Amino acid sequence: MSKASIVALAAVLGLLSSGCAVMSVMSDVDQAKAEWKAPANASIQPEGGASILTPCRLDLRTLPDAFRLQITVEGFRASDVYIRRNQDTWSTGSEDLGTVPCLAIDTVNGDIYPTTFDELRRAASIESQLLGEGSRGYLHVVTVIRAEPSWRSILHLLRK
């Protein structure tokens, strides 16, 4: 143990033995607030379009019926999600996105989840990220630090 470590340990023990140290106990709610942090932004770039940061809302009326969406999250390799129109709804491969398509990107584990606007609204950690009302013609993309248990991942980003 270094001399600095011994001095620091002695100072802490001195405070504790003299009764000068104050220990605080945080409630579960306070601890949850202290541990919560906003998810990192992701960069979203539709094929042939400009890159934008999440949270974002893409106007699907300006995109073709089938397009590639490149997703980049810090610490992960960029990856593509392919989205296509099926008459009145949108899908990614076999996963139906409904009439108001939404994607949630987990910036901790790199999973991408298709979801609905209502599910995003119910997820407390995401509500402040939603832009406008859920409406046809827009793709909503947000980032999360923990997915809802009912969501199924359609893509896992690889770490760099």
C-alpha atoms as a PDB file:
ATOM      1  CA  MET A   1       0.000   0.000   0.000  1.00  0.00           C
ATOM      2  CA  SER A   2       1.417   3.394  -0.951  1.00  0.00           C
ATOM      3  CA  LYS A   3       2.153   6.122   1.570  1.00  0.00           C
ATOM      4  CA  ALA A   4      -0.645   8.312   0.104  1.00  0.00           C
ATOM      5  CA  SER A   5      -3.161   5.450   0.487  1.00  0.00           C
ATOM      6  CA  ILE A   6      -2.158   4.902   4.112  1.00  0.00           C
ATOM      7  CA  VAL A   7      -2.529   8.633   4.886  1.00  0.00           C
ATOM      8  CA  ALA A   8      -5.959   8.756   3.197  1.00  0.00           C
ATOM      9  CA  LEU A   9      -7.133   5.639   5.038  1.00  0.00           C
ATOM     10  CA  ALA A  10      -5.953   7.078   8.363  1.00  0.00           C
ATOM     11  CA  ALA A  11      -7.842  10.327   7.697  1.00  0.00           C
ATOM     12  CA  VAL A  12     -11.072   8.461   6.942  1.00  0.00           C
ATOM     13  CA  LEU A  13     -10.705   6.265  10.025  1.00  0.00           C
ATOM     14  CA  GLY A  14     -10.032   9.363  12.137  1.00  0.00           C
ATOM     15  CA  LEU A  15     -13.208  11.034  10.912  1.00  0.00           C
ATOM     16  CA  LEU A  16     -15.278   7.927  11.504  1.00  0.00           C
ATOM     17  CA  SER A  17     -13.961   7.384  15.021  1.00  0.00           C
ATOM     18  CA  SER A  18     -14.477  11.030  16.011  1.00  0.00           C
ATOM     19  CA  GLY A  19     -18.083  11.063  14.892  1.00  0.00           C
ATOM     20  CA  CYS A  20     -17.416  13.864  12.384  1.00  0.00           C
ATOM     21  CA  ALA A  21     -18.302  11.796   9.348  1.00  0.00           C
ATOM     22  CA  VAL A  22     -21.850  12.065   8.125  1.00  0.00           C
ATOM     23  CA  MET A  23     -23.354   9.109   6.345  1.00  0.00           C
ATOM     24  CA  SER A  24     -26.443   9.615   4.279  1.00  0.00           C
ATOM     25  CA  VAL A  25     -28.780   6.935   3.088  1.00  0.00           C
ATOM     26  CA  MET A  26     -30.606   7.588  -0.167  1.00  0.00           C
ATOM     27  CA  SER A  27     -34.099   6.283  -0.701  1.00  0.00           C
ATOM     28  CA  ASP A  28     -34.730   3.939  -3.628  1.00  0.00           C
ATOM     29  CA  VAL A  29     -36.328   6.793  -5.581  1.00  0.00           C
ATOM     30  CA  ASP A  30     -33.398   9.159  -4.969  1.00  0.00           C
ATOM     31  CA  GLN A  31     -30.932   6.434  -5.910  1.00  0.00           C
ATOM     32  CA  ALA A  32     -32.801   5.683  -9.149  1.00  0.00           C
ATOM     33  CA  LYS A  33     -32.749   9.402 -10.024  1.00  0.00           C
ATOM     34  CA  ALA A  34     -29.030   9.611  -9.298  1.00  0.00           C
ATOM     35  CA  GLU A  35     -28.262   6.568 -11.468  1.00  0.00           C
ATOM     36  CA  TRP A  36     -30.414   7.662 -14.433  1.00  0.00           C
ATOM     37  CA  LYS A  37     -28.645   9.342 -17.260  1.00  0.00           C
ATOM     38  CA  ALA A  38     -29.833  10.376 -20.675  1.00  0.00           C
ATOM     39  CA  PRO A  39     -29.040   7.949 -23.465  1.00  0.00           C
ATOM     40  CA  ALA A  40     -26.435   8.940 -26.010  1.00  0.00           C
ATOM     41  CA  ASN A  41     -27.609  10.260 -29.340  1.00  0.00           C
ATOM     42  CA  ALA A  42     -27.498   8.117 -32.444  1.00  0.00           C
ATOM     43  CA  SER A  43     -26.856   9.375 -35.945  1.00  0.00           C
ATOM     44  CA  ILE A  44     -29.523   8.437 -38.467  1.00  0.00           C
ATOM     45  CA  GLN A  45     -28.923   8.748 -42.203  1.00  0.00           C
ATOM     46  CA  PRO A  46     -31.558   7.747 -44.735  1.00  0.00           C
ATOM     47  CA  GLU A  47     -30.185   6.520 -48.053  1.00  0.00           C
ATOM     48  CA  GLY A  48     -29.254   9.551 -50.141  1.00  0.00           C
ATOM     49  CA  GLY A  49     -30.158  11.964 -47.334  1.00  0.00           C
ATOM     50  CA  ALA A  50     -28.417  14.030 -44.696  1.00  0.00           C
ATOM     51  CA  SER A  51     -27.403  12.614 -41.321  1.00  0.00           C
ATOM     52  CA  ILE A  52     -29.452  13.764 -38.308  1.00  0.00           C
ATOM     53  CA  LEU A  53     -29.243  13.073 -34.577  1.00  0.00           C
ATOM     54  CA  THR A  54     -31.873  11.379 -32.454  1.00  0.00           C
ATOM     55  CA  PRO A  55     -34.444  12.022 -31.283  1.00  0.00           C
ATOM     56  CA  CYS A  56     -35.730  12.604 -34.754  1.00  0.00           C
ATOM     57  CA  ARG A  57     -38.780  12.323 -36.939  1.00  0.00           C
ATOM     58  CA  LEU A  58     -38.244  11.476 -40.614  1.00  0.00           C
ATOM     59  CA  ASP A  59     -40.819  12.508 -43.196  1.00  0.00           C
ATOM     60  CA  LEU A  60     -41.520   9.247 -45.025  1.00  0.00           C
ATOM     61  CA  ARG A  61     -43.301  11.092 -47.837  1.00  0.00           C
ATOM     62  CA  THR A  62     -39.877  12.331 -49.000  1.00  0.00           C
ATOM     63  CA  LEU A  63     -38.369   8.819 -49.061  1.00  0.00           C
ATOM     64  CA  PRO A  64     -38.905   5.947 -51.524  1.00  0.00           C
ATOM     65  CA  ASP A  65     -41.190   3.001 -50.672  1.00  0.00           C
ATOM     66  CA  ALA A  66     -38.104   0.951 -49.767  1.00  0.00           C
ATOM     67  CA  PHE A  67     -34.984   2.546 -48.307  1.00  0.00           C
ATOM     68  CA  ARG A  68     -31.900   1.918 -46.188  1.00  0.00           C
ATOM     69  CA  LEU A  69     -31.431   3.734 -42.890  1.00  0.00           C
ATOM     70  CA  GLN A  70     -27.844   3.827 -41.592  1.00  0.00           C
ATOM     71  CA  ILE A  71     -27.614   3.967 -37.795  1.00  0.00           C
ATOM     72  CA  THR A  72     -24.435   5.008 -35.989  1.00  0.00           C
ATOM     73  CA  VAL A  73     -24.027   4.913 -32.202  1.00  0.00           C
ATOM     74  CA  GLU A  74     -20.807   5.819 -30.385  1.00  0.00           C
ATOM     75  CA  GLY A  75     -18.857   2.682 -29.498  1.00  0.00           C
ATOM     76  CA  PHE A  76     -20.623   0.540 -32.115  1.00  0.00           C
ATOM     77  CA  ARG A  77     -20.099  -0.131 -35.813  1.00  0.00           C
ATOM     78  CA  ALA A  78     -22.551   1.607 -38.131  1.00  0.00           C
ATOM     79  CA  SER A  79     -25.288  -0.685 -39.377  1.00  0.00           C
ATOM     80  CA  ASP A  80     -28.215  -0.555 -41.781  1.00  0.00           C
ATOM     81  CA  VAL A  81     -31.921  -1.136 -41.257  1.00  0.00           C
ATOM     82  CA  TYR A  82     -34.017  -1.680 -44.371  1.00  0.00           C
ATOM     83  CA  ILE A  83     -37.529  -0.253 -44.249  1.00  0.00           C
ATOM     84  CA  ARG A  84     -40.268  -0.705 -46.835  1.00  0.00           C
ATOM     85  CA  ARG A  85     -43.863   0.291 -47.357  1.00  0.00           C
ATOM     86  CA  ASN A  86     -46.546  -2.418 -47.446  1.00  0.00           C
ATOM     87  CA  GLN A  87     -49.606  -0.548 -48.710  1.00  0.00           C
ATOM     88  CA  ASP A  88     -50.656   1.460 -45.593  1.00  0.00           C
ATOM     89  CA  THR A  89     -48.032   0.102 -43.187  1.00  0.00           C
ATOM     90  CA  TRP A  90     -44.238  -0.051 -42.913  1.00  0.00           C
ATOM     91  CA  SER A  91     -41.957  -2.977 -42.058  1.00  0.00           C
ATOM     92  CA  THR A  92     -38.356  -4.016 -41.470  1.00  0.00           C
ATOM     93  CA  GLY A  93     -38.013  -7.465 -42.980  1.00  0.00           C
ATOM     94  CA  SER A  94     -40.695  -9.601 -41.327  1.00  0.00           C
ATOM     95  CA  GLU A  95     -41.360  -7.113 -38.497  1.00  0.00           C
ATOM     96  CA  ASP A  96     -44.441  -4.961 -39.045  1.00  0.00           C
ATOM     97  CA  LEU A  97     -44.012  -1.340 -37.907  1.00  0.00           C
ATOM     98  CA  GLY A  98     -47.644  -0.342 -38.402  1.00  0.00           C
ATOM     99  CA  THR A  99     -48.901   2.946 -39.823  1.00  0.00           C
ATOM    100  CA  VAL A 100     -46.777   5.133 -37.485  1.00  0.00           C
ATOM    101  CA  PRO A 101     -43.375   3.404 -37.556  1.00  0.00           C
ATOM    102  CA  CYS A 102     -40.979   3.881 -34.639  1.00  0.00           C
ATOM    103  CA  LEU A 103     -37.510   2.599 -33.783  1.00  0.00           C
ATOM    104  CA  ALA A 104     -35.875   2.622 -30.342  1.00  0.00           C
ATOM    105  CA  ILE A 105     -32.092   2.270 -30.208  1.00  0.00           C
ATOM    106  CA  ASP A 106     -30.566   0.934 -26.992  1.00  0.00           C
ATOM    107  CA  THR A 107     -27.281   2.865 -26.704  1.00  0.00           C
ATOM    108  CA  VAL A 108     -25.981   0.593 -23.936  1.00  0.00           C
ATOM    109  CA  ASN A 109     -26.232  -2.846 -25.555  1.00  0.00           C
ATOM    110  CA  GLY A 110     -26.662  -1.841 -29.218  1.00  0.00           C
ATOM    111  CA  ASP A 111     -30.065  -3.415 -29.852  1.00  0.00           C
ATOM    112  CA  ILE A 112     -32.588  -1.815 -32.203  1.00  0.00           C
ATOM    113  CA  TYR A 113     -36.279  -2.309 -31.498  1.00  0.00           C
ATOM    114  CA  PRO A 114     -39.305  -1.662 -33.699  1.00  0.00           C
ATOM    115  CA  THR A 115     -42.137  -0.290 -31.610  1.00  0.00           C
ATOM    116  CA  THR A 116     -45.278   1.792 -31.801  1.00  0.00           C
ATOM    117  CA  PHE A 117     -45.718   5.460 -30.997  1.00  0.00           C
ATOM    118  CA  ASP A 118     -48.056   4.564 -28.106  1.00  0.00           C
ATOM    119  CA  GLU A 119     -45.440   2.178 -26.633  1.00  0.00           C
ATOM    120  CA  LEU A 120     -42.842   4.946 -26.848  1.00  0.00           C
ATOM    121  CA  ARG A 121     -45.204   7.364 -25.133  1.00  0.00           C
ATOM    122  CA  ARG A 122     -45.759   4.876 -22.271  1.00  0.00           C
ATOM    123  CA  ALA A 123     -42.007   4.356 -21.740  1.00  0.00           C
ATOM    124  CA  ALA A 124     -41.174   6.976 -19.107  1.00  0.00           C
ATOM    125  CA  SER A 125     -37.523   7.407 -20.091  1.00  0.00           C
ATOM    126  CA  ILE A 126     -38.430   8.243 -23.684  1.00  0.00           C
ATOM    127  CA  GLU A 127     -41.427  10.553 -23.396  1.00  0.00           C
ATOM    128  CA  SER A 128     -39.361  13.751 -23.450  1.00  0.00           C
ATOM    129  CA  GLN A 129     -37.717  12.659 -26.714  1.00  0.00           C
ATOM    130  CA  LEU A 130     -40.915  12.337 -28.736  1.00  0.00           C
ATOM    131  CA  LEU A 131     -41.305  15.036 -31.326  1.00  0.00           C
ATOM    132  CA  GLY A 132     -44.879  16.043 -32.051  1.00  0.00           C
ATOM    133  CA  GLU A 133     -47.734  13.635 -32.262  1.00  0.00           C
ATOM    134  CA  GLY A 134     -47.562  10.199 -33.803  1.00  0.00           C
ATOM    135  CA  SER A 135     -48.891  10.602 -37.291  1.00  0.00           C
ATOM    136  CA  ARG A 136     -48.849   8.725 -40.534  1.00  0.00           C
ATOM    137  CA  GLY A 137     -46.067   9.700 -42.827  1.00  0.00           C
ATOM    138  CA  TYR A 138     -43.331   9.958 -40.158  1.00  0.00           C
ATOM    139  CA  LEU A 139     -40.747   7.549 -38.774  1.00  0.00           C
ATOM    140  CA  HIS A 140     -39.897   8.331 -35.136  1.00  0.00           C
ATOM    141  CA  VAL A 141     -36.418   7.292 -33.915  1.00  0.00           C
ATOM    142  CA  VAL A 142     -35.330   7.622 -30.266  1.00  0.00           C
ATOM    143  CA  THR A 143     -32.536   6.284 -28.062  1.00  0.00           C
ATOM    144  CA  VAL A 144     -32.963   4.432 -24.775  1.00  0.00           C
ATOM    145  CA  ILE A 145     -30.670   3.104 -22.055  1.00  0.00           C
ATOM    146  CA  ARG A 146     -32.982   0.175 -21.306  1.00  0.00           C
ATOM    147  CA  ALA A 147     -35.611  -1.375 -23.544  1.00  0.00           C
ATOM    148  CA  GLU A 148     -39.095  -2.259 -22.412  1.00  0.00           C
ATOM    149  CA  PRO A 149     -39.350  -6.010 -21.600  1.00  0.00           C
ATOM    150  CA  SER A 150     -42.012  -6.551 -24.288  1.00  0.00           C
ATOM    151  CA  TRP A 151     -39.832  -5.193 -27.130  1.00  0.00           C
ATOM    152  CA  ARG A 152     -38.106  -7.628 -29.501  1.00  0.00           C
ATOM    153  CA  SER A 153     -34.786  -6.658 -31.041  1.00  0.00           C
ATOM    154  CA  ILE A 154     -34.524  -6.733 -34.837  1.00  0.00           C
ATOM    155  CA  LEU A 155     -30.817  -5.907 -35.014  1.00  0.00           C
ATOM    156  CA  HIS A 156     -27.822  -5.946 -32.687  1.00  0.00           C
ATOM    157  CA  LEU A 157     -25.059  -3.429 -33.414  1.00  0.00           C
ATOM    158  CA  LEU A 158     -21.530  -4.786 -33.126  1.00  0.00           C
ATOM    159  CA  ARG A 159     -19.062  -3.077 -30.808  1.00  0.00           C
ATOM    160  CA  LYS A 160     -16.019  -1.446 -32.392  1.00  0.00           C
END
